[in-house]
Structures are given as C-alpha cells and as structure tokens.
Amino acid sequence: MRASSVFALISAAVLLAAGSLLAEKPQASCPVMGGKINKEVYLDYQGSRVYFCCPGCKEPFLAKADSFLTSMKQQGILLEKTPNPQTLCPVMGNEVNRQVFADYGGKRVYFCCEDCREKFEAEPEKYLKKLKDQGVNLDDSPSLERFERGASEGEKHPEQH
C-alpha cells in the first residue's frame, strides 16, 4: 500500500512537469522554416493569425496547413486570433459611418449616426462591454481626450431612435 502511494505521487509529479512543458506560448518561430517570425508577414487562416519568417513560407504552409497547425498545437503554441475590426454600431447594430466616432479610454468607437454616439456617451461602459463580448478589436484612439466627436453637429440617423 505504501509503494502504491509513492507511485501515485511520482506519477502526479511527472504529469505536472509534462503539463508545464506543454503550457501554451505565443508563436515565436516560423512553422515552415523555423526562423524568427516577422510580424509583418502573416496569413489569417481559419480564425487564427499565423506568422512567417518570410513571404516565401506562405505557399508551403497552405499546402500542408493542417499538418503545420497540428505540430504547432502539439508544441503548445498559441496562435493569435484573427483581428475582428468594428463594422457595426454598438447601439443600433447598423453598419458604421467612419466619420461618426467617439474616442474613449484610448480606443476609437464608430457609430452609424450622431444619435448613437450620444447614447454611447451617456453609457460608454455598457457599449464597450457589448463590443468586447462580440470579440471586436477597437482601433487605438489618436486622442488623449475622453471623448472626441467626429462628424458635424446635427448629423442624424434617418431611422427613428
């Protein structure tokens, strides 16, 4: 009975050590050539961003993408998700007008109309949470002010709010 307890403890330690070796880590090397990745050379593939050392590695990757992705997963490499830019108004859900925006908390939020921007300004955290829950990646704001208004005053949405 004592030997089985020692064996169980050793087994648990080995499993913990193996788990830490396979801990997820960001991609640092090219899946094709193994060189250091260049963050400007990438493909968005099946919802993930895959970086390469050079443009010449894209074609070989695509020819055997499943094999490369399996190998990366086995190595514990965590790929970045494909960016999801804001295309819909967080208030009404309509397509955004890039001329109508507010800068808040270092991020730029776009709206379909002036009315929606005003609603956002009244409850920014509510709408930021909605965008975050949708996985939207907001553009960085060029302004340090809490709110910066885009578009001219009086620009209204044709629909009733």
N, C-alpha and C. Protein backbone atom coordinates (compact mmCIF):
# COMPACT_ATOMS: atom_id res chain seq x y z
N MET A 1 0.83 -1.18 0.00
CA MET A 1 0.00 0.00 0.00
C MET A 1 0.88 1.26 0.00
N ARG A 2 1.94 1.22 0.74
CA ARG A 2 2.85 2.36 0.80
C ARG A 2 3.52 2.58 -0.56
N ALA A 3 3.91 1.53 -1.24
CA ALA A 3 4.55 1.64 -2.54
C ALA A 3 3.59 2.25 -3.56
N SER A 4 2.30 1.92 -3.48
CA SER A 4 1.33 2.49 -4.42
C SER A 4 1.15 3.98 -4.18
N SER A 5 1.24 4.42 -2.93
CA SER A 5 1.14 5.86 -2.63
C SER A 5 2.32 6.61 -3.21
N VAL A 6 3.52 6.04 -3.08
CA VAL A 6 4.72 6.67 -3.62
C VAL A 6 4.61 6.72 -5.14
N PHE A 7 4.15 5.64 -5.75
CA PHE A 7 3.98 5.60 -7.20
C PHE A 7 2.98 6.66 -7.66
N ALA A 8 1.89 6.84 -6.92
CA ALA A 8 0.88 7.84 -7.27
C ALA A 8 1.46 9.24 -7.19
N LEU A 9 2.26 9.51 -6.16
CA LEU A 9 2.89 10.83 -6.02
C LEU A 9 3.87 11.10 -7.15
N ILE A 10 4.67 10.11 -7.51
CA ILE A 10 5.63 10.26 -8.60
C ILE A 10 4.89 10.48 -9.92
N SER A 11 3.85 9.72 -10.14
CA SER A 11 3.06 9.87 -11.37
C SER A 11 2.46 11.27 -11.47
N ALA A 12 1.94 11.77 -10.37
CA ALA A 12 1.35 13.11 -10.36
C ALA A 12 2.41 14.16 -10.67
N ALA A 13 3.60 14.01 -10.09
CA ALA A 13 4.69 14.97 -10.33
C ALA A 13 5.11 14.96 -11.80
N VAL A 14 5.19 13.77 -12.40
CA VAL A 14 5.57 13.65 -13.81
C VAL A 14 4.51 14.32 -14.69
N LEU A 15 3.23 14.10 -14.39
CA LEU A 15 2.16 14.72 -15.17
C LEU A 15 2.18 16.24 -15.05
N LEU A 16 2.44 16.76 -13.84
CA LEU A 16 2.53 18.21 -13.66
C LEU A 16 3.70 18.79 -14.44
N ALA A 17 4.82 18.11 -14.42
CA ALA A 17 6.00 18.58 -15.16
C ALA A 17 5.73 18.57 -16.65
N ALA A 18 5.10 17.52 -17.15
CA ALA A 18 4.77 17.43 -18.57
C ALA A 18 3.79 18.53 -18.95
N GLY A 19 2.83 18.81 -18.10
CA GLY A 19 1.86 19.86 -18.37
C GLY A 19 2.51 21.22 -18.46
N SER A 20 3.49 21.50 -17.62
CA SER A 20 4.15 22.80 -17.66
C SER A 20 5.02 22.93 -18.91
N LEU A 21 5.55 21.82 -19.39
CA LEU A 21 6.34 21.85 -20.62
C LEU A 21 5.46 22.17 -21.83
N LEU A 22 4.20 21.76 -21.77
CA LEU A 22 3.29 21.96 -22.89
C LEU A 22 2.41 23.19 -22.69
N ALA A 23 2.74 24.03 -21.72
CA ALA A 23 1.95 25.23 -21.49
C ALA A 23 1.94 26.06 -22.77
N GLU A 24 0.78 26.67 -23.02
CA GLU A 24 0.65 27.45 -24.24
C GLU A 24 1.59 28.65 -24.22
N LYS A 25 2.17 28.91 -25.37
CA LYS A 25 3.09 30.04 -25.51
C LYS A 25 2.82 30.69 -26.86
N PRO A 26 3.10 31.99 -26.98
CA PRO A 26 2.85 32.66 -28.26
C PRO A 26 3.81 32.18 -29.33
N GLN A 27 3.38 32.31 -30.58
CA GLN A 27 4.21 31.90 -31.70
C GLN A 27 5.44 32.79 -31.80
N ALA A 28 6.62 32.17 -31.85
CA ALA A 28 7.88 32.91 -31.96
C ALA A 28 8.69 32.49 -33.19
N SER A 29 8.35 31.32 -33.76
CA SER A 29 9.13 30.84 -34.90
C SER A 29 8.21 30.47 -36.06
N CYS A 30 8.76 30.54 -37.25
CA CYS A 30 8.04 30.22 -38.48
C CYS A 30 7.70 28.73 -38.50
N PRO A 31 6.45 28.37 -38.79
CA PRO A 31 6.08 26.96 -38.82
C PRO A 31 6.73 26.19 -39.97
N VAL A 32 7.18 26.88 -41.00
CA VAL A 32 7.74 26.22 -42.18
C VAL A 32 9.26 26.07 -42.05
N MET A 33 9.97 27.18 -41.83
CA MET A 33 11.43 27.15 -41.81
C MET A 33 12.04 27.18 -40.41
N GLY A 34 11.22 27.54 -39.42
CA GLY A 34 11.72 27.56 -38.05
C GLY A 34 12.43 28.84 -37.65
N GLY A 35 12.57 29.79 -38.58
CA GLY A 35 13.24 31.05 -38.27
C GLY A 35 12.36 31.96 -37.43
N LYS A 36 12.96 33.06 -36.95
CA LYS A 36 12.23 34.04 -36.15
C LYS A 36 11.14 34.66 -37.01
N ILE A 37 9.94 34.81 -36.44
CA ILE A 37 8.83 35.36 -37.22
C ILE A 37 9.00 36.85 -37.46
N ASN A 38 8.42 37.30 -38.57
CA ASN A 38 8.34 38.71 -38.92
C ASN A 38 6.86 39.07 -38.79
N LYS A 39 6.51 39.92 -37.84
CA LYS A 39 5.10 40.25 -37.57
C LYS A 39 4.39 40.92 -38.74
N GLU A 40 5.13 41.28 -39.77
CA GLU A 40 4.50 41.88 -40.95
C GLU A 40 4.24 40.85 -42.04
N VAL A 41 4.65 39.62 -41.82
CA VAL A 41 4.45 38.55 -42.80
C VAL A 41 3.56 37.49 -42.15
N TYR A 42 2.30 37.44 -42.56
CA TYR A 42 1.35 36.53 -41.93
C TYR A 42 0.22 36.16 -42.88
N LEU A 43 -0.51 35.11 -42.47
CA LEU A 43 -1.76 34.71 -43.12
C LEU A 43 -2.81 34.58 -42.02
N ASP A 44 -4.03 34.99 -42.33
CA ASP A 44 -5.15 34.71 -41.44
C ASP A 44 -5.78 33.43 -41.96
N TYR A 45 -5.73 32.39 -41.13
CA TYR A 45 -6.17 31.07 -41.57
C TYR A 45 -7.10 30.47 -40.52
N GLN A 46 -8.33 30.18 -40.91
CA GLN A 46 -9.33 29.55 -40.05
C GLN A 46 -9.44 30.23 -38.69
N GLY A 47 -9.51 31.56 -38.69
CA GLY A 47 -9.71 32.31 -37.46
C GLY A 47 -8.45 32.57 -36.65
N SER A 48 -7.29 32.15 -37.15
CA SER A 48 -6.03 32.38 -36.45
C SER A 48 -5.05 33.11 -37.36
N ARG A 49 -4.19 33.89 -36.73
CA ARG A 49 -3.15 34.60 -37.47
C ARG A 49 -1.86 33.79 -37.33
N VAL A 50 -1.28 33.38 -38.47
CA VAL A 50 -0.05 32.59 -38.49
C VAL A 50 1.04 33.48 -39.09
N TYR A 51 2.14 33.64 -38.33
CA TYR A 51 3.26 34.48 -38.78
C TYR A 51 4.34 33.61 -39.41
N PHE A 52 5.13 34.22 -40.31
CA PHE A 52 6.20 33.53 -41.01
C PHE A 52 7.48 34.36 -40.95
N CYS A 53 8.58 33.72 -41.30
CA CYS A 53 9.86 34.43 -41.34
C CYS A 53 10.01 35.23 -42.63
N CYS A 54 9.34 34.76 -43.69
CA CYS A 54 9.44 35.44 -44.99
C CYS A 54 8.21 35.12 -45.83
N PRO A 55 7.93 35.91 -46.85
CA PRO A 55 6.76 35.67 -47.69
C PRO A 55 6.78 34.31 -48.40
N GLY A 56 7.97 33.78 -48.65
CA GLY A 56 8.08 32.50 -49.34
C GLY A 56 7.53 31.32 -48.55
N CYS A 57 7.29 31.49 -47.27
CA CYS A 57 6.78 30.38 -46.45
C CYS A 57 5.26 30.25 -46.48
N LYS A 58 4.57 31.23 -47.01
CA LYS A 58 3.11 31.18 -47.03
C LYS A 58 2.59 30.02 -47.88
N GLU A 59 3.11 29.87 -49.09
CA GLU A 59 2.63 28.83 -50.00
C GLU A 59 2.87 27.42 -49.45
N PRO A 60 4.09 27.11 -48.97
CA PRO A 60 4.29 25.78 -48.38
C PRO A 60 3.38 25.52 -47.17
N PHE A 61 3.12 26.57 -46.39
CA PHE A 61 2.21 26.42 -45.25
C PHE A 61 0.83 26.02 -45.74
N LEU A 62 0.30 26.75 -46.73
CA LEU A 62 -1.04 26.46 -47.23
C LEU A 62 -1.15 25.06 -47.82
N ALA A 63 -0.06 24.56 -48.40
CA ALA A 63 -0.08 23.23 -49.00
C ALA A 63 -0.24 22.13 -47.93
N LYS A 64 0.24 22.40 -46.71
CA LYS A 64 0.17 21.41 -45.62
C LYS A 64 -0.28 22.07 -44.32
N ALA A 65 -1.25 22.96 -44.42
CA ALA A 65 -1.68 23.74 -43.26
C ALA A 65 -2.09 22.88 -42.07
N ASP A 66 -2.89 21.85 -42.30
CA ASP A 66 -3.35 21.01 -41.19
C ASP A 66 -2.18 20.37 -40.45
N SER A 67 -1.19 19.91 -41.19
CA SER A 67 -0.02 19.30 -40.59
C SER A 67 0.77 20.31 -39.74
N PHE A 68 0.97 21.51 -40.29
CA PHE A 68 1.69 22.55 -39.55
C PHE A 68 0.92 22.96 -38.29
N LEU A 69 -0.39 23.13 -38.42
CA LEU A 69 -1.20 23.54 -37.27
C LEU A 69 -1.20 22.47 -36.17
N THR A 70 -1.27 21.21 -36.56
CA THR A 70 -1.21 20.11 -35.60
C THR A 70 0.11 20.12 -34.86
N SER A 71 1.19 20.30 -35.59
CA SER A 71 2.52 20.34 -34.99
C SER A 71 2.64 21.51 -34.01
N MET A 72 2.13 22.67 -34.40
CA MET A 72 2.19 23.84 -33.53
C MET A 72 1.38 23.60 -32.25
N LYS A 73 0.23 22.99 -32.40
CA LYS A 73 -0.62 22.69 -31.24
C LYS A 73 0.09 21.73 -30.29
N GLN A 74 0.72 20.70 -30.86
CA GLN A 74 1.45 19.72 -30.04
C GLN A 74 2.61 20.37 -29.28
N GLN A 75 3.17 21.44 -29.84
CA GLN A 75 4.27 22.16 -29.20
C GLN A 75 3.77 23.20 -28.19
N GLY A 76 2.45 23.32 -28.07
CA GLY A 76 1.88 24.27 -27.13
C GLY A 76 1.88 25.70 -27.62
N ILE A 77 1.97 25.89 -28.93
CA ILE A 77 2.00 27.24 -29.50
C ILE A 77 0.57 27.75 -29.64
N LEU A 78 0.32 28.89 -29.04
CA LEU A 78 -0.99 29.52 -29.09
C LEU A 78 -0.97 30.61 -30.16
N LEU A 79 -1.77 30.44 -31.20
CA LEU A 79 -1.83 31.42 -32.28
C LEU A 79 -2.76 32.56 -31.90
N GLU A 80 -2.44 33.76 -32.37
CA GLU A 80 -3.31 34.90 -32.17
C GLU A 80 -4.59 34.69 -32.96
N LYS A 81 -5.70 35.21 -32.44
CA LYS A 81 -6.95 35.16 -33.18
C LYS A 81 -6.91 36.23 -34.27
N THR A 82 -7.59 35.94 -35.38
CA THR A 82 -7.68 36.91 -36.46
C THR A 82 -8.38 38.16 -35.93
N PRO A 83 -7.82 39.33 -36.20
CA PRO A 83 -8.46 40.56 -35.73
C PRO A 83 -9.90 40.68 -36.23
N ASN A 84 -10.74 41.22 -35.36
CA ASN A 84 -12.15 41.40 -35.67
C ASN A 84 -12.46 42.90 -35.56
N PRO A 85 -12.28 43.66 -36.66
CA PRO A 85 -12.49 45.10 -36.59
C PRO A 85 -13.96 45.46 -36.41
N GLN A 86 -14.21 46.64 -35.88
CA GLN A 86 -15.58 47.10 -35.68
C GLN A 86 -16.21 47.46 -37.02
N THR A 87 -17.33 46.85 -37.35
CA THR A 87 -18.05 47.16 -38.58
C THR A 87 -19.50 47.55 -38.29
N LEU A 88 -19.97 47.25 -37.06
CA LEU A 88 -21.36 47.55 -36.71
C LEU A 88 -21.44 48.51 -35.54
N CYS A 89 -22.44 49.35 -35.56
CA CYS A 89 -22.69 50.31 -34.48
C CYS A 89 -23.07 49.54 -33.21
N PRO A 90 -22.42 49.86 -32.07
CA PRO A 90 -22.73 49.14 -30.84
C PRO A 90 -24.12 49.47 -30.29
N VAL A 91 -24.72 50.55 -30.74
CA VAL A 91 -26.03 50.95 -30.23
C VAL A 91 -27.15 50.33 -31.06
N MET A 92 -27.14 50.57 -32.37
CA MET A 92 -28.22 50.11 -33.25
C MET A 92 -27.91 48.83 -34.00
N GLY A 93 -26.64 48.50 -34.16
CA GLY A 93 -26.27 47.30 -34.91
C GLY A 93 -26.19 47.52 -36.41
N ASN A 94 -26.31 48.78 -36.85
CA ASN A 94 -26.20 49.10 -38.27
C ASN A 94 -24.73 49.22 -38.66
N GLU A 95 -24.46 49.25 -39.96
CA GLU A 95 -23.10 49.45 -40.46
C GLU A 95 -22.60 50.82 -39.99
N VAL A 96 -21.33 50.89 -39.58
CA VAL A 96 -20.79 52.15 -39.06
C VAL A 96 -20.49 53.13 -40.18
N ASN A 97 -20.54 54.41 -39.82
CA ASN A 97 -20.10 55.52 -40.65
C ASN A 97 -18.78 55.96 -40.03
N ARG A 98 -17.65 55.77 -40.68
CA ARG A 98 -16.33 56.05 -40.11
C ARG A 98 -16.11 57.52 -39.81
N GLN A 99 -17.04 58.38 -40.23
CA GLN A 99 -16.94 59.81 -39.91
C GLN A 99 -17.61 60.14 -38.58
N VAL A 100 -18.35 59.19 -38.01
CA VAL A 100 -19.05 59.41 -36.75
C VAL A 100 -18.41 58.51 -35.70
N PHE A 101 -17.71 59.10 -34.75
CA PHE A 101 -16.97 58.31 -33.77
C PHE A 101 -16.82 59.06 -32.45
N ALA A 102 -16.42 58.32 -31.44
CA ALA A 102 -16.02 58.90 -30.16
C ALA A 102 -14.76 58.18 -29.72
N ASP A 103 -13.84 58.92 -29.15
CA ASP A 103 -12.63 58.33 -28.58
C ASP A 103 -12.85 58.23 -27.08
N TYR A 104 -12.68 57.02 -26.55
CA TYR A 104 -12.92 56.79 -25.13
C TYR A 104 -11.92 55.77 -24.61
N GLY A 105 -11.27 56.09 -23.52
CA GLY A 105 -10.34 55.15 -22.90
C GLY A 105 -9.23 54.70 -23.82
N GLY A 106 -8.79 55.58 -24.71
CA GLY A 106 -7.71 55.23 -25.63
C GLY A 106 -8.15 54.44 -26.85
N LYS A 107 -9.45 54.24 -27.02
CA LYS A 107 -9.98 53.50 -28.17
C LYS A 107 -10.96 54.36 -28.95
N ARG A 108 -11.04 54.12 -30.24
CA ARG A 108 -11.98 54.82 -31.10
C ARG A 108 -13.16 53.89 -31.38
N VAL A 109 -14.37 54.42 -31.11
CA VAL A 109 -15.61 53.67 -31.32
C VAL A 109 -16.39 54.38 -32.41
N TYR A 110 -16.83 53.62 -33.41
CA TYR A 110 -17.57 54.17 -34.54
C TYR A 110 -19.06 53.91 -34.38
N PHE A 111 -19.87 54.77 -35.00
CA PHE A 111 -21.32 54.68 -34.90
C PHE A 111 -21.96 54.88 -36.27
N CYS A 112 -23.23 54.53 -36.35
CA CYS A 112 -23.95 54.72 -37.61
C CYS A 112 -24.46 56.15 -37.74
N CYS A 113 -24.62 56.86 -36.61
CA CYS A 113 -25.18 58.20 -36.65
C CYS A 113 -24.86 58.97 -35.37
N GLU A 114 -25.16 60.24 -35.39
CA GLU A 114 -24.93 61.12 -34.25
C GLU A 114 -25.73 60.69 -33.02
N ASP A 115 -26.98 60.29 -33.22
CA ASP A 115 -27.82 59.89 -32.09
C ASP A 115 -27.18 58.73 -31.32
N CYS A 116 -26.62 57.77 -32.05
CA CYS A 116 -26.00 56.62 -31.39
C CYS A 116 -24.74 57.03 -30.63
N ARG A 117 -24.00 57.98 -31.19
CA ARG A 117 -22.82 58.46 -30.49
C ARG A 117 -23.23 59.09 -29.16
N GLU A 118 -24.30 59.86 -29.17
CA GLU A 118 -24.78 60.50 -27.95
C GLU A 118 -25.23 59.46 -26.92
N LYS A 119 -25.88 58.40 -27.38
CA LYS A 119 -26.29 57.33 -26.45
C LYS A 119 -25.06 56.64 -25.86
N PHE A 120 -24.03 56.44 -26.67
CA PHE A 120 -22.79 55.86 -26.18
C PHE A 120 -22.17 56.75 -25.10
N GLU A 121 -22.12 58.04 -25.36
CA GLU A 121 -21.51 58.97 -24.42
C GLU A 121 -22.22 58.97 -23.08
N ALA A 122 -23.51 58.65 -23.06
CA ALA A 122 -24.27 58.58 -21.81
C ALA A 122 -23.94 57.31 -21.02
N GLU A 123 -23.59 56.22 -21.70
CA GLU A 123 -23.30 54.93 -21.05
C GLU A 123 -22.16 54.20 -21.76
N PRO A 124 -20.95 54.76 -21.80
CA PRO A 124 -19.89 54.15 -22.60
C PRO A 124 -19.52 52.73 -22.16
N GLU A 125 -19.48 52.46 -20.87
CA GLU A 125 -19.07 51.12 -20.41
C GLU A 125 -20.04 50.04 -20.88
N LYS A 126 -21.32 50.36 -20.93
CA LYS A 126 -22.34 49.41 -21.41
C LYS A 126 -22.03 48.97 -22.84
N TYR A 127 -21.72 49.94 -23.70
CA TYR A 127 -21.49 49.63 -25.11
C TYR A 127 -20.10 49.05 -25.36
N LEU A 128 -19.13 49.46 -24.56
CA LEU A 128 -17.79 48.85 -24.67
C LEU A 128 -17.85 47.38 -24.29
N LYS A 129 -18.63 47.05 -23.26
CA LYS A 129 -18.78 45.64 -22.87
C LYS A 129 -19.43 44.84 -24.00
N LYS A 130 -20.42 45.43 -24.63
CA LYS A 130 -21.10 44.76 -25.75
C LYS A 130 -20.10 44.45 -26.87
N LEU A 131 -19.26 45.44 -27.21
CA LEU A 131 -18.26 45.22 -28.26
C LEU A 131 -17.25 44.16 -27.84
N LYS A 132 -16.81 44.22 -26.59
CA LYS A 132 -15.85 43.23 -26.09
C LYS A 132 -16.45 41.83 -26.13
N ASP A 133 -17.70 41.70 -25.71
CA ASP A 133 -18.37 40.39 -25.73
C ASP A 133 -18.50 39.83 -27.14
N GLN A 134 -18.55 40.72 -28.13
CA GLN A 134 -18.63 40.30 -29.54
C GLN A 134 -17.25 40.02 -30.13
N GLY A 135 -16.20 40.24 -29.33
CA GLY A 135 -14.84 39.98 -29.81
C GLY A 135 -14.30 41.04 -30.75
N VAL A 136 -14.89 42.24 -30.70
CA VAL A 136 -14.47 43.32 -31.59
C VAL A 136 -13.18 43.95 -31.07
N ASN A 137 -12.22 44.15 -31.96
CA ASN A 137 -10.98 44.84 -31.64
C ASN A 137 -11.12 46.28 -32.10
N LEU A 138 -11.15 47.20 -31.15
CA LEU A 138 -11.29 48.61 -31.48
C LEU A 138 -9.96 49.21 -31.90
N ASP A 139 -10.03 50.21 -32.80
CA ASP A 139 -8.84 50.95 -33.20
C ASP A 139 -8.34 51.77 -32.02
N ASP A 140 -7.04 51.99 -31.94
CA ASP A 140 -6.49 52.89 -30.94
C ASP A 140 -6.90 54.30 -31.28
N SER A 141 -7.12 55.08 -30.25
CA SER A 141 -7.50 56.47 -30.42
C SER A 141 -6.27 57.34 -30.58
N PRO A 142 -6.29 58.25 -31.54
CA PRO A 142 -5.16 59.18 -31.66
C PRO A 142 -5.25 60.31 -30.64
N SER A 143 -6.35 60.38 -29.90
CA SER A 143 -6.59 61.48 -28.97
C SER A 143 -6.45 61.01 -27.53
N LEU A 144 -6.01 61.91 -26.67
CA LEU A 144 -5.93 61.61 -25.25
C LEU A 144 -7.16 62.09 -24.50
N GLU A 145 -8.05 62.80 -25.18
CA GLU A 145 -9.26 63.28 -24.53
C GLU A 145 -10.23 62.12 -24.33
N ARG A 146 -11.08 62.26 -23.31
CA ARG A 146 -12.05 61.20 -23.02
C ARG A 146 -13.01 61.01 -24.19
N PHE A 147 -13.57 62.08 -24.69
CA PHE A 147 -14.46 61.99 -25.85
C PHE A 147 -13.98 62.99 -26.90
N GLU A 148 -13.87 62.54 -28.12
CA GLU A 148 -13.61 63.44 -29.23
C GLU A 148 -14.71 63.16 -30.24
N ARG A 149 -15.36 64.19 -30.68
CA ARG A 149 -16.51 63.99 -31.55
C ARG A 149 -16.09 64.01 -33.01
N GLY A 150 -16.60 63.08 -33.77
CA GLY A 150 -16.41 63.06 -35.21
C GLY A 150 -17.71 63.47 -35.87
N ALA A 151 -17.68 63.87 -37.10
CA ALA A 151 -18.85 64.30 -37.88
C ALA A 151 -19.37 65.64 -37.38
N SER A 152 -20.16 66.26 -38.19
CA SER A 152 -20.68 67.57 -37.84
C SER A 152 -21.87 67.46 -36.90
N GLU A 153 -22.06 68.50 -36.10
CA GLU A 153 -23.21 68.54 -35.21
C GLU A 153 -24.49 68.46 -36.03
N GLY A 154 -25.47 67.81 -35.51
CA GLY A 154 -26.75 67.74 -36.18
C GLY A 154 -26.89 66.62 -37.17
N GLU A 155 -25.83 65.85 -37.44
CA GLU A 155 -25.94 64.72 -38.36
C GLU A 155 -26.75 63.64 -37.67
N LYS A 156 -27.88 63.32 -38.20
CA LYS A 156 -28.79 62.37 -37.57
C LYS A 156 -28.98 61.14 -38.44
N HIS A 157 -29.36 60.08 -37.82
CA HIS A 157 -29.68 58.82 -38.50
C HIS A 157 -31.07 58.95 -39.11
N PRO A 158 -31.27 58.41 -40.31
CA PRO A 158 -32.58 58.54 -40.96
C PRO A 158 -33.67 57.75 -40.22
N GLU A 159 -33.30 56.76 -39.43
CA GLU A 159 -34.30 55.99 -38.70
C GLU A 159 -34.61 56.66 -37.36
N GLN A 160 -35.78 56.41 -36.83
CA GLN A 160 -36.16 56.93 -35.51
C GLN A 160 -35.41 56.14 -34.43
N HIS A 161 -34.99 56.81 -33.39
CA HIS A 161 -34.34 56.14 -32.24
C HIS A 161 -35.24 56.18 -31.05
